[in-house]
Amino acid sequence: MRHDVDANAAAAMRRLAANRPAQRLLCNVLCLWHLCPRAACQRSKACRGREPAACFTARSALVPDGAKLCLFGNIALQGEGVPRAEADRRLAPQAAILDAWAAACHEARGKARGLP
């Protein structure tokens, strides 16, 4: 299963090859800044690198599958014309995983900086 999720996520990122702002957005939604060694990304809690696709490729395997399924499932359902409320309903379990992942990234970053 993991290979399928990662392969589909990588394929989606390749489809966005000419659209760096969209790649950066995907990296930000998945909180890859938390896993990035670049201080600029960590400080801003956002992708600041020149190659967001390379960062995605290097780090997305560390993101929970459910989080990736939520993001890329939403993109796929929007492409199929599924209404937002229906997409939210279908992806609710994955959305909970994405939310928990994002919260954990923000909390860990705060602790690393000595914040309560």
PDB file of N, CA and C in Angstrom:
ATOM      1  N   MET A   1       0.829  -1.190   0.000  1.00  0.00           N
ATOM      2  CA  MET A   1       0.000   0.000   0.000  1.00  0.00           C
ATOM      3  C   MET A   1       0.871   1.251   0.000  1.00  0.00           C
ATOM      4  N   ARG A   2       1.900   1.284   0.864  1.00  0.00           N
ATOM      5  CA  ARG A   2       2.749   2.468   0.968  1.00  0.00           C
ATOM      6  C   ARG A   2       3.335   2.824  -0.394  1.00  0.00           C
ATOM      7  N   HIS A   3       3.816   1.832  -1.135  1.00  0.00           N
ATOM      8  CA  HIS A   3       4.412   2.117  -2.437  1.00  0.00           C
ATOM      9  C   HIS A   3       3.401   2.788  -3.362  1.00  0.00           C
ATOM     10  N   ASP A   4       2.157   2.305  -3.365  1.00  0.00           N
ATOM     11  CA  ASP A   4       1.125   2.892  -4.214  1.00  0.00           C
ATOM     12  C   ASP A   4       0.869   4.349  -3.844  1.00  0.00           C
ATOM     13  N   VAL A   5       0.772   4.629  -2.550  1.00  0.00           N
ATOM     14  CA  VAL A   5       0.518   5.995  -2.096  1.00  0.00           C
ATOM     15  C   VAL A   5       1.665   6.889  -2.511  1.00  0.00           C
ATOM     16  N   ASP A   6       2.896   6.463  -2.257  1.00  0.00           N
ATOM     17  CA  ASP A   6       4.052   7.276  -2.594  1.00  0.00           C
ATOM     18  C   ASP A   6       4.197   7.443  -4.105  1.00  0.00           C
ATOM     19  N   ALA A   7       3.923   6.396  -4.860  1.00  0.00           N
ATOM     20  CA  ALA A   7       4.021   6.480  -6.319  1.00  0.00           C
ATOM     21  C   ALA A   7       2.970   7.443  -6.876  1.00  0.00           C
ATOM     22  N   ASN A   8       1.753   7.373  -6.358  1.00  0.00           N
ATOM     23  CA  ASN A   8       0.704   8.282  -6.820  1.00  0.00           C
ATOM     24  C   ASN A   8       1.011   9.722  -6.440  1.00  0.00           C
ATOM     25  N   ALA A   9       1.539   9.929  -5.252  1.00  0.00           N
ATOM     26  CA  ALA A   9       1.901  11.274  -4.815  1.00  0.00           C
ATOM     27  C   ALA A   9       3.026  11.826  -5.689  1.00  0.00           C
ATOM     28  N   ALA A  10       4.024  10.997  -5.977  1.00  0.00           N
ATOM     29  CA  ALA A  10       5.140  11.434  -6.821  1.00  0.00           C
ATOM     30  C   ALA A  10       4.652  11.751  -8.233  1.00  0.00           C
ATOM     31  N   ALA A  11       3.715  10.952  -8.751  1.00  0.00           N
ATOM     32  CA  ALA A  11       3.168  11.205 -10.078  1.00  0.00           C
ATOM     33  C   ALA A  11       2.414  12.535 -10.111  1.00  0.00           C
ATOM     34  N   ALA A  12       1.672  12.810  -9.058  1.00  0.00           N
ATOM     35  CA  ALA A  12       0.946  14.092  -8.988  1.00  0.00           C
ATOM     36  C   ALA A  12       1.931  15.250  -8.963  1.00  0.00           C
ATOM     37  N   MET A  13       3.007  15.110  -8.246  1.00  0.00           N
ATOM     38  CA  MET A  13       4.005  16.170  -8.170  1.00  0.00           C
ATOM     39  C   MET A  13       4.664  16.377  -9.534  1.00  0.00           C
ATOM     40  N   ARG A  14       4.915  15.293 -10.272  1.00  0.00           N
ATOM     41  CA  ARG A  14       5.495  15.424 -11.616  1.00  0.00           C
ATOM     42  C   ARG A  14       4.546  16.152 -12.556  1.00  0.00           C
ATOM     43  N   ARG A  15       3.238  15.909 -12.411  1.00  0.00           N
ATOM     44  CA  ARG A  15       2.260  16.600 -13.259  1.00  0.00           C
ATOM     45  C   ARG A  15       2.293  18.108 -13.019  1.00  0.00           C
ATOM     46  N   LEU A  16       2.754  18.494 -11.855  1.00  0.00           N
ATOM     47  CA  LEU A  16       2.848  19.918 -11.509  1.00  0.00           C
ATOM     48  C   LEU A  16       4.249  20.465 -11.773  1.00  0.00           C
ATOM     49  N   ALA A  17       5.019  19.778 -12.610  1.00  0.00           N
ATOM     50  CA  ALA A  17       6.430  20.120 -12.801  1.00  0.00           C
ATOM     51  C   ALA A  17       6.651  21.585 -13.176  1.00  0.00           C
ATOM     52  N   ALA A  18       5.783  22.155 -13.950  1.00  0.00           N
ATOM     53  CA  ALA A  18       5.966  23.537 -14.390  1.00  0.00           C
ATOM     54  C   ALA A  18       5.340  24.540 -13.431  1.00  0.00           C
ATOM     55  N   ASN A  19       4.754  24.060 -12.363  1.00  0.00           N
ATOM     56  CA  ASN A  19       4.023  24.951 -11.467  1.00  0.00           C
ATOM     57  C   ASN A  19       4.630  24.909 -10.060  1.00  0.00           C
ATOM     58  N   ARG A  20       5.724  25.643  -9.880  1.00  0.00           N
ATOM     59  CA  ARG A  20       6.397  25.632  -8.581  1.00  0.00           C
ATOM     60  C   ARG A  20       5.515  26.149  -7.446  1.00  0.00           C
ATOM     61  N   PRO A  21       4.699  27.189  -7.664  1.00  0.00           N
ATOM     62  CA  PRO A  21       3.828  27.612  -6.555  1.00  0.00           C
ATOM     63  C   PRO A  21       2.897  26.491  -6.090  1.00  0.00           C
ATOM     64  N   ALA A  22       2.376  25.695  -7.015  1.00  0.00           N
ATOM     65  CA  ALA A  22       1.505  24.574  -6.634  1.00  0.00           C
ATOM     66  C   ALA A  22       2.312  23.505  -5.902  1.00  0.00           C
ATOM     67  N   GLN A  23       3.529  23.233  -6.367  1.00  0.00           N
ATOM     68  CA  GLN A  23       4.388  22.267  -5.680  1.00  0.00           C
ATOM     69  C   GLN A  23       4.664  22.736  -4.255  1.00  0.00           C
ATOM     70  N   ARG A  24       4.969  24.009  -4.107  1.00  0.00           N
ATOM     71  CA  ARG A  24       5.259  24.585  -2.799  1.00  0.00           C
ATOM     72  C   ARG A  24       4.045  24.457  -1.872  1.00  0.00           C
ATOM     73  N   LEU A  25       2.857  24.697  -2.440  1.00  0.00           N
ATOM     74  CA  LEU A  25       1.624  24.567  -1.664  1.00  0.00           C
ATOM     75  C   LEU A  25       1.459  23.133  -1.150  1.00  0.00           C
ATOM     76  N   LEU A  26       1.689  22.154  -2.003  1.00  0.00           N
ATOM     77  CA  LEU A  26       1.581  20.754  -1.577  1.00  0.00           C
ATOM     78  C   LEU A  26       2.586  20.449  -0.468  1.00  0.00           C
ATOM     79  N   CYS A  27       3.811  20.944  -0.621  1.00  0.00           N
ATOM     80  CA  CYS A  27       4.825  20.743   0.423  1.00  0.00           C
ATOM     81  C   CYS A  27       4.374  21.377   1.732  1.00  0.00           C
ATOM     82  N   ASN A  28       3.766  22.554   1.647  1.00  0.00           N
ATOM     83  CA  ASN A  28       3.324  23.256   2.854  1.00  0.00           C
ATOM     84  C   ASN A  28       2.156  22.542   3.522  1.00  0.00           C
ATOM     85  N   VAL A  29       1.206  22.062   2.733  1.00  0.00           N
ATOM     86  CA  VAL A  29       0.052  21.362   3.307  1.00  0.00           C
ATOM     87  C   VAL A  29       0.514  20.107   4.046  1.00  0.00           C
ATOM     88  N   LEU A  30       1.518  19.439   3.508  1.00  0.00           N
ATOM     89  CA  LEU A  30       2.033  18.225   4.148  1.00  0.00           C
ATOM     90  C   LEU A  30       3.091  18.516   5.211  1.00  0.00           C
ATOM     91  N   CYS A  31       3.329  19.794   5.495  1.00  0.00           N
ATOM     92  CA  CYS A  31       4.295  20.218   6.541  1.00  0.00           C
ATOM     93  C   CYS A  31       5.694  19.661   6.304  1.00  0.00           C
ATOM     94  N   LEU A  32       6.123  19.626   5.050  1.00  0.00           N
ATOM     95  CA  LEU A  32       7.464  19.122   4.776  1.00  0.00           C
ATOM     96  C   LEU A  32       8.541  20.045   5.332  1.00  0.00           C
ATOM     97  N   TRP A  33       8.195  21.288   5.611  1.00  0.00           N
ATOM     98  CA  TRP A  33       9.143  22.213   6.240  1.00  0.00           C
ATOM     99  C   TRP A  33       9.649  21.631   7.563  1.00  0.00           C
ATOM    100  N   HIS A  34       8.812  20.835   8.211  1.00  0.00           N
ATOM    101  CA  HIS A  34       9.182  20.232   9.494  1.00  0.00           C
ATOM    102  C   HIS A  34      10.309  19.214   9.318  1.00  0.00           C
ATOM    103  N   LEU A  35      10.369  18.594   8.163  1.00  0.00           N
ATOM    104  CA  LEU A  35      11.354  17.559   7.885  1.00  0.00           C
ATOM    105  C   LEU A  35      12.562  18.079   7.119  1.00  0.00           C
ATOM    106  N   CYS A  36      12.490  19.304   6.662  1.00  0.00           N
ATOM    107  CA  CYS A  36      13.520  19.882   5.803  1.00  0.00           C
ATOM    108  C   CYS A  36      14.716  20.354   6.630  1.00  0.00           C
ATOM    109  N   PRO A  37      15.927  20.114   6.131  1.00  0.00           N
ATOM    110  CA  PRO A  37      17.106  20.582   6.855  1.00  0.00           C
ATOM    111  C   PRO A  37      17.383  22.080   6.666  1.00  0.00           C
ATOM    112  N   ARG A  38      16.680  22.721   5.739  1.00  0.00           N
ATOM    113  CA  ARG A  38      16.927  24.149   5.480  1.00  0.00           C
ATOM    114  C   ARG A  38      16.337  25.006   6.605  1.00  0.00           C
ATOM    115  N   ALA A  39      17.172  25.820   7.190  1.00  0.00           N
ATOM    116  CA  ALA A  39      16.739  26.684   8.293  1.00  0.00           C
ATOM    117  C   ALA A  39      15.652  27.655   7.835  1.00  0.00           C
ATOM    118  N   ALA A  40      15.745  28.151   6.615  1.00  0.00           N
ATOM    119  CA  ALA A  40      14.740  29.103   6.124  1.00  0.00           C
ATOM    120  C   ALA A  40      13.355  28.475   6.086  1.00  0.00           C
ATOM    121  N   CYS A  41      13.277  27.228   5.701  1.00  0.00           N
ATOM    122  CA  CYS A  41      11.987  26.524   5.654  1.00  0.00           C
ATOM    123  C   CYS A  41      11.449  26.317   7.065  1.00  0.00           C
ATOM    124  N   GLN A  42      12.324  25.911   7.969  1.00  0.00           N
ATOM    125  CA  GLN A  42      11.899  25.663   9.345  1.00  0.00           C
ATOM    126  C   GLN A  42      11.455  26.950  10.032  1.00  0.00           C
ATOM    127  N   ARG A  43      12.203  28.029   9.832  1.00  0.00           N
ATOM    128  CA  ARG A  43      11.848  29.302  10.465  1.00  0.00           C
ATOM    129  C   ARG A  43      10.484  29.809   9.998  1.00  0.00           C
ATOM    130  N   SER A  44      10.249  29.715   8.702  1.00  0.00           N
ATOM    131  CA  SER A  44       9.016  30.261   8.149  1.00  0.00           C
ATOM    132  C   SER A  44       7.850  29.274   8.189  1.00  0.00           C
ATOM    133  N   LYS A  45       8.141  28.023   8.573  1.00  0.00           N
ATOM    134  CA  LYS A  45       7.125  26.962   8.553  1.00  0.00           C
ATOM    135  C   LYS A  45       6.464  26.891   7.180  1.00  0.00           C
ATOM    136  N   ALA A  46       7.316  26.980   6.158  1.00  0.00           N
ATOM    137  CA  ALA A  46       6.855  26.928   4.771  1.00  0.00           C
ATOM    138  C   ALA A  46       8.035  26.576   3.874  1.00  0.00           C
ATOM    139  N   CYS A  47       7.748  26.027   2.727  1.00  0.00           N
ATOM    140  CA  CYS A  47       8.779  25.683   1.755  1.00  0.00           C
ATOM    141  C   CYS A  47       9.401  26.965   1.211  1.00  0.00           C
ATOM    142  N   ARG A  48      10.715  27.083   1.335  1.00  0.00           N
ATOM    143  CA  ARG A  48      11.449  28.235   0.823  1.00  0.00           C
ATOM    144  C   ARG A  48      12.568  27.819  -0.124  1.00  0.00           C
ATOM    145  N   GLY A  49      12.660  26.538  -0.415  1.00  0.00           N
ATOM    146  CA  GLY A  49      13.721  26.040  -1.285  1.00  0.00           C
ATOM    147  C   GLY A  49      13.450  26.320  -2.750  1.00  0.00           C
ATOM    148  N   ARG A  50      14.479  26.153  -3.550  1.00  0.00           N
ATOM    149  CA  ARG A  50      14.358  26.393  -4.994  1.00  0.00           C
ATOM    150  C   ARG A  50      13.702  25.241  -5.725  1.00  0.00           C
ATOM    151  N   GLU A  51      13.754  24.052  -5.137  1.00  0.00           N
ATOM    152  CA  GLU A  51      13.230  22.850  -5.795  1.00  0.00           C
ATOM    153  C   GLU A  51      12.238  22.127  -4.902  1.00  0.00           C
ATOM    154  N   PRO A  52      11.006  22.613  -4.812  1.00  0.00           N
ATOM    155  CA  PRO A  52      10.035  21.944  -3.947  1.00  0.00           C
ATOM    156  C   PRO A  52       9.765  20.494  -4.354  1.00  0.00           C
ATOM    157  N   ALA A  53       9.848  20.194  -5.634  1.00  0.00           N
ATOM    158  CA  ALA A  53       9.608  18.809  -6.067  1.00  0.00           C
ATOM    159  C   ALA A  53      10.688  17.875  -5.523  1.00  0.00           C
ATOM    160  N   ALA A  54      11.921  18.344  -5.480  1.00  0.00           N
ATOM    161  CA  ALA A  54      13.015  17.519  -4.942  1.00  0.00           C
ATOM    162  C   ALA A  54      12.816  17.296  -3.448  1.00  0.00           C
ATOM    163  N   CYS A  55      12.397  18.327  -2.749  1.00  0.00           N
ATOM    164  CA  CYS A  55      12.125  18.196  -1.309  1.00  0.00           C
ATOM    165  C   CYS A  55      10.985  17.198  -1.099  1.00  0.00           C
ATOM    166  N   PHE A  56       9.949  17.319  -1.915  1.00  0.00           N
ATOM    167  CA  PHE A  56       8.813  16.407  -1.812  1.00  0.00           C
ATOM    168  C   PHE A  56       9.274  14.963  -2.008  1.00  0.00           C
ATOM    169  N   THR A  57      10.073  14.745  -3.044  1.00  0.00           N
ATOM    170  CA  THR A  57      10.548  13.401  -3.345  1.00  0.00           C
ATOM    171  C   THR A  57      11.390  12.849  -2.197  1.00  0.00           C
ATOM    172  N   ALA A  58      12.226  13.689  -1.624  1.00  0.00           N
ATOM    173  CA  ALA A  58      13.128  13.235  -0.567  1.00  0.00           C
ATOM    174  C   ALA A  58      12.422  12.981   0.760  1.00  0.00           C
ATOM    175  N   ARG A  59      11.319  13.687   1.031  1.00  0.00           N
ATOM    176  CA  ARG A  59      10.748  13.650   2.373  1.00  0.00           C
ATOM    177  C   ARG A  59       9.318  13.124   2.481  1.00  0.00           C
ATOM    178  N   SER A  60       8.615  13.012   1.392  1.00  0.00           N
ATOM    179  CA  SER A  60       7.196  12.648   1.486  1.00  0.00           C
ATOM    180  C   SER A  60       6.972  11.235   2.015  1.00  0.00           C
ATOM    181  N   ALA A  61       7.949  10.364   1.886  1.00  0.00           N
ATOM    182  CA  ALA A  61       7.792   8.998   2.416  1.00  0.00           C
ATOM    183  C   ALA A  61       7.680   9.009   3.942  1.00  0.00           C
ATOM    184  N   LEU A  62       8.113  10.103   4.578  1.00  0.00           N
ATOM    185  CA  LEU A  62       8.047  10.210   6.031  1.00  0.00           C
ATOM    186  C   LEU A  62       6.697  10.715   6.533  1.00  0.00           C
ATOM    187  N   VAL A  63       5.867  11.175   5.604  1.00  0.00           N
ATOM    188  CA  VAL A  63       4.541  11.697   5.945  1.00  0.00           C
ATOM    189  C   VAL A  63       3.556  10.524   5.998  1.00  0.00           C
ATOM    190  N   PRO A  64       2.653  10.503   6.968  1.00  0.00           N
ATOM    191  CA  PRO A  64       1.682   9.403   7.047  1.00  0.00           C
ATOM    192  C   PRO A  64       0.877   9.253   5.746  1.00  0.00           C
ATOM    193  N   ASP A  65       0.652   8.008   5.366  1.00  0.00           N
ATOM    194  CA  ASP A  65      -0.101   7.741   4.134  1.00  0.00           C
ATOM    195  C   ASP A  65      -1.451   8.438   4.125  1.00  0.00           C
ATOM    196  N   GLY A  66      -2.150   8.426   5.243  1.00  0.00           N
ATOM    197  CA  GLY A  66      -3.471   9.046   5.308  1.00  0.00           C
ATOM    198  C   GLY A  66      -3.430  10.522   4.979  1.00  0.00           C
ATOM    199  N   ALA A  67      -2.365  11.202   5.397  1.00  0.00           N
ATOM    200  CA  ALA A  67      -2.228  12.629   5.097  1.00  0.00           C
ATOM    201  C   ALA A  67      -2.076  12.846   3.597  1.00  0.00           C
ATOM    202  N   LYS A  68      -1.250  12.007   2.972  1.00  0.00           N
ATOM    203  CA  LYS A  68      -1.069  12.126   1.516  1.00  0.00           C
ATOM    204  C   LYS A  68      -2.351  11.749   0.782  1.00  0.00           C
ATOM    205  N   LEU A  69      -3.024  10.713   1.267  1.00  0.00           N
ATOM    206  CA  LEU A  69      -4.285  10.314   0.630  1.00  0.00           C
ATOM    207  C   LEU A  69      -5.318  11.431   0.711  1.00  0.00           C
ATOM    208  N   CYS A  70      -5.361  12.142   1.810  1.00  0.00           N
ATOM    209  CA  CYS A  70      -6.294  13.258   1.964  1.00  0.00           C
ATOM    210  C   CYS A  70      -6.009  14.334   0.918  1.00  0.00           C
ATOM    211  N   LEU A  71      -4.765  14.747   0.836  1.00  0.00           N
ATOM    212  CA  LEU A  71      -4.392  15.814  -0.084  1.00  0.00           C
ATOM    213  C   LEU A  71      -4.629  15.425  -1.534  1.00  0.00           C
ATOM    214  N   PHE A  72      -4.066  14.302  -1.947  1.00  0.00           N
ATOM    215  CA  PHE A  72      -4.169  13.913  -3.346  1.00  0.00           C
ATOM    216  C   PHE A  72      -5.550  13.363  -3.693  1.00  0.00           C
ATOM    217  N   GLY A  73      -6.246  12.803  -2.710  1.00  0.00           N
ATOM    218  CA  GLY A  73      -7.632  12.389  -2.927  1.00  0.00           C
ATOM    219  C   GLY A  73      -8.518  13.593  -3.186  1.00  0.00           C
ATOM    220  N   ASN A  74      -8.289  14.661  -2.440  1.00  0.00           N
ATOM    221  CA  ASN A  74      -9.043  15.893  -2.644  1.00  0.00           C
ATOM    222  C   ASN A  74      -8.811  16.454  -4.034  1.00  0.00           C
ATOM    223  N   ILE A  75      -7.560  16.454  -4.464  1.00  0.00           N
ATOM    224  CA  ILE A  75      -7.233  16.950  -5.800  1.00  0.00           C
ATOM    225  C   ILE A  75      -7.931  16.105  -6.860  1.00  0.00           C
ATOM    226  N   ALA A  76      -7.884  14.791  -6.692  1.00  0.00           N
ATOM    227  CA  ALA A  76      -8.515  13.893  -7.670  1.00  0.00           C
ATOM    228  C   ALA A  76     -10.028  14.084  -7.696  1.00  0.00           C
ATOM    229  N   LEU A  77     -10.649  14.183  -6.529  1.00  0.00           N
ATOM    230  CA  LEU A  77     -12.108  14.347  -6.489  1.00  0.00           C
ATOM    231  C   LEU A  77     -12.539  15.691  -7.076  1.00  0.00           C
ATOM    232  N   GLN A  78     -11.766  16.732  -6.836  1.00  0.00           N
ATOM    233  CA  GLN A  78     -12.077  18.029  -7.442  1.00  0.00           C
ATOM    234  C   GLN A  78     -12.005  17.929  -8.958  1.00  0.00           C
ATOM    235  N   GLY A  79     -10.995  17.186  -9.446  1.00  0.00           N
ATOM    236  CA  GLY A  79     -10.847  16.990 -10.886  1.00  0.00           C
ATOM    237  C   GLY A  79     -12.008  16.224 -11.493  1.00  0.00           C
ATOM    238  N   GLU A  80     -12.645  15.390 -10.683  1.00  0.00           N
ATOM    239  CA  GLU A  80     -13.803  14.622 -11.152  1.00  0.00           C
ATOM    240  C   GLU A  80     -15.103  15.394 -10.996  1.00  0.00           C
ATOM    241  N   GLY A  81     -15.014  16.594 -10.435  1.00  0.00           N
ATOM    242  CA  GLY A  81     -16.209  17.418 -10.261  1.00  0.00           C
ATOM    243  C   GLY A  81     -17.059  17.040  -9.057  1.00  0.00           C
ATOM    244  N   VAL A  82     -16.479  16.311  -8.108  1.00  0.00           N
ATOM    245  CA  VAL A  82     -17.213  15.934  -6.900  1.00  0.00           C
ATOM    246  C   VAL A  82     -17.381  17.184  -6.032  1.00  0.00           C
ATOM    247  N   PRO A  83     -18.606  17.454  -5.563  1.00  0.00           N
ATOM    248  CA  PRO A  83     -18.812  18.627  -4.700  1.00  0.00           C
ATOM    249  C   PRO A  83     -17.935  18.561  -3.453  1.00  0.00           C
ATOM    250  N   ARG A  84     -17.526  19.728  -2.985  1.00  0.00           N
ATOM    251  CA  ARG A  84     -16.610  19.820  -1.845  1.00  0.00           C
ATOM    252  C   ARG A  84     -17.145  19.077  -0.611  1.00  0.00           C
ATOM    253  N   ALA A  85     -18.422  19.244  -0.302  1.00  0.00           N
ATOM    254  CA  ALA A  85     -18.991  18.588   0.877  1.00  0.00           C
ATOM    255  C   ALA A  85     -18.895  17.066   0.754  1.00  0.00           C
ATOM    256  N   GLU A  86     -19.123  16.554  -0.432  1.00  0.00           N
ATOM    257  CA  GLU A  86     -19.031  15.109  -0.660  1.00  0.00           C
ATOM    258  C   GLU A  86     -17.583  14.640  -0.544  1.00  0.00           C
ATOM    259  N   ALA A  87     -16.664  15.411  -1.095  1.00  0.00           N
ATOM    260  CA  ALA A  87     -15.245  15.065  -0.994  1.00  0.00           C
ATOM    261  C   ALA A  87     -14.815  15.055   0.474  1.00  0.00           C
ATOM    262  N   ASP A  88     -15.266  16.058   1.233  1.00  0.00           N
ATOM    263  CA  ASP A  88     -14.942  16.112   2.661  1.00  0.00           C
ATOM    264  C   ASP A  88     -15.485  14.893   3.394  1.00  0.00           C
ATOM    265  N   ARG A  89     -16.691  14.481   3.041  1.00  0.00           N
ATOM    266  CA  ARG A  89     -17.295  13.323   3.684  1.00  0.00           C
ATOM    267  C   ARG A  89     -16.502  12.053   3.364  1.00  0.00           C
ATOM    268  N   ARG A  90     -16.146  11.891   2.103  1.00  0.00           N
ATOM    269  CA  ARG A  90     -15.416  10.697   1.687  1.00  0.00           C
ATOM    270  C   ARG A  90     -14.023  10.615   2.315  1.00  0.00           C
ATOM    271  N   LEU A  91     -13.412  11.755   2.510  1.00  0.00           N
ATOM    272  CA  LEU A  91     -12.027  11.785   2.978  1.00  0.00           C
ATOM    273  C   LEU A  91     -11.886  12.135   4.459  1.00  0.00           C
ATOM    274  N   ALA A  92     -12.979  12.078   5.203  1.00  0.00           N
ATOM    275  CA  ALA A  92     -12.933  12.470   6.619  1.00  0.00           C
ATOM    276  C   ALA A  92     -11.876  11.702   7.427  1.00  0.00           C
ATOM    277  N   PRO A  93     -11.763  10.379   7.285  1.00  0.00           N
ATOM    278  CA  PRO A  93     -10.737   9.673   8.071  1.00  0.00           C
ATOM    279  C   PRO A  93      -9.319  10.135   7.716  1.00  0.00           C
ATOM    280  N   GLN A  94      -9.076  10.356   6.427  1.00  0.00           N
ATOM    281  CA  GLN A  94      -7.758  10.811   5.997  1.00  0.00           C
ATOM    282  C   GLN A  94      -7.508  12.252   6.442  1.00  0.00           C
ATOM    283  N   ALA A  95      -8.558  13.066   6.448  1.00  0.00           N
ATOM    284  CA  ALA A  95      -8.422  14.458   6.893  1.00  0.00           C
ATOM    285  C   ALA A  95      -8.015  14.509   8.366  1.00  0.00           C
ATOM    286  N   ALA A  96      -8.541  13.592   9.156  1.00  0.00           N
ATOM    287  CA  ALA A  96      -8.167  13.541  10.577  1.00  0.00           C
ATOM    288  C   ALA A  96      -6.682  13.208  10.724  1.00  0.00           C
ATOM    289  N   ILE A  97      -6.177  12.338   9.866  1.00  0.00           N
ATOM    290  CA  ILE A  97      -4.754  11.985   9.903  1.00  0.00           C
ATOM    291  C   ILE A  97      -3.901  13.186   9.493  1.00  0.00           C
ATOM    292  N   LEU A  98      -4.321  13.887   8.432  1.00  0.00           N
ATOM    293  CA  LEU A  98      -3.596  15.081   7.998  1.00  0.00           C
ATOM    294  C   LEU A  98      -3.601  16.149   9.093  1.00  0.00           C
ATOM    295  N   ASP A  99      -4.740  16.361   9.712  1.00  0.00           N
ATOM    296  CA  ASP A  99      -4.835  17.351  10.796  1.00  0.00           C
ATOM    297  C   ASP A  99      -3.927  16.983  11.968  1.00  0.00           C
ATOM    298  N   ALA A 100      -3.917  15.706  12.330  1.00  0.00           N
ATOM    299  CA  ALA A 100      -3.075  15.260  13.446  1.00  0.00           C
ATOM    300  C   ALA A 100      -1.590  15.421  13.094  1.00  0.00           C
ATOM    301  N   TRP A 101      -1.228  15.100  11.859  1.00  0.00           N
ATOM    302  CA  TRP A 101       0.160  15.258  11.404  1.00  0.00           C
ATOM    303  C   TRP A 101       0.571  16.734  11.473  1.00  0.00           C
ATOM    304  N   ALA A 102      -0.267  17.617  10.952  1.00  0.00           N
ATOM    305  CA  ALA A 102       0.055  19.047  10.959  1.00  0.00           C
ATOM    306  C   ALA A 102       0.187  19.563  12.392  1.00  0.00           C
ATOM    307  N   ALA A 103      -0.705  19.154  13.257  1.00  0.00           N
ATOM    308  CA  ALA A 103      -0.645  19.591  14.659  1.00  0.00           C
ATOM    309  C   ALA A 103       0.641  19.102  15.317  1.00  0.00           C
ATOM    310  N   ALA A 104       1.020  17.859  15.048  1.00  0.00           N
ATOM    311  CA  ALA A 104       2.241  17.306  15.633  1.00  0.00           C
ATOM    312  C   ALA A 104       3.474  18.052  15.124  1.00  0.00           C
ATOM    313  N   CYS A 105       3.483  18.413  13.854  1.00  0.00           N
ATOM    314  CA  CYS A 105       4.621  19.155  13.293  1.00  0.00           C
ATOM    315  C   CYS A 105       4.746  20.521  13.945  1.00  0.00           C
ATOM    316  N   HIS A 106       3.644  21.216  14.083  1.00  0.00           N
ATOM    317  CA  HIS A 106       3.670  22.545  14.689  1.00  0.00           C
ATOM    318  C   HIS A 106       4.047  22.459  16.168  1.00  0.00           C
ATOM    319  N   GLU A 107       3.532  21.457  16.860  1.00  0.00           N
ATOM    320  CA  GLU A 107       3.850  21.294  18.281  1.00  0.00           C
ATOM    321  C   GLU A 107       5.333  20.962  18.466  1.00  0.00           C
ATOM    322  N   ALA A 108       5.847  20.056  17.648  1.00  0.00           N
ATOM    323  CA  ALA A 108       7.257  19.677  17.765  1.00  0.00           C
ATOM    324  C   ALA A 108       8.163  20.861  17.459  1.00  0.00           C
ATOM    325  N   ARG A 109       7.789  21.667  16.507  1.00  0.00           N
ATOM    326  CA  ARG A 109       8.595  22.845  16.161  1.00  0.00           C
ATOM    327  C   ARG A 109       8.604  23.834  17.316  1.00  0.00           C
ATOM    328  N   GLY A 110       7.465  24.011  17.953  1.00  0.00           N
ATOM    329  CA  GLY A 110       7.391  24.914  19.098  1.00  0.00           C
ATOM    330  C   GLY A 110       8.248  24.431  20.250  1.00  0.00           C
ATOM    331  N   LYS A 111       8.236  23.123  20.500  1.00  0.00           N
ATOM    332  CA  LYS A 111       9.055  22.564  21.587  1.00  0.00           C
ATOM    333  C   LYS A 111      10.533  22.700  21.283  1.00  0.00           C
ATOM    334  N   ALA A 112      10.896  22.534  20.006  1.00  0.00           N
ATOM    335  CA  ALA A 112      12.300  22.666  19.622  1.00  0.00           C
ATOM    336  C   ALA A 112      12.800  24.092  19.854  1.00  0.00           C
ATOM    337  N   ARG A 113      11.888  25.045  19.793  1.00  0.00           N
ATOM    338  CA  ARG A 113      12.261  26.440  19.993  1.00  0.00           C
ATOM    339  C   ARG A 113      12.068  26.869  21.449  1.00  0.00           C
ATOM    340  N   GLY A 114      11.693  25.937  22.310  1.00  0.00           N
ATOM    341  CA  GLY A 114      11.525  26.247  23.729  1.00  0.00           C
ATOM    342  C   GLY A 114      10.216  26.917  24.062  1.00  0.00           C
ATOM    343  N   LEU A 115       9.231  26.795  23.167  1.00  0.00           N
ATOM    344  CA  LEU A 115       7.920  27.394  23.410  1.00  0.00           C
ATOM    345  C   LEU A 115       7.032  26.399  24.153  1.00  0.00           C
ATOM    346  N   PRO A 116       6.083  26.896  24.948  1.00  0.00           N
ATOM    347  CA  PRO A 116       5.177  25.977  25.674  1.00  0.00           C
ATOM    348  C   PRO A 116       4.238  25.248  24.731  1.00  0.00           C
TER     349      PRO A 116
END
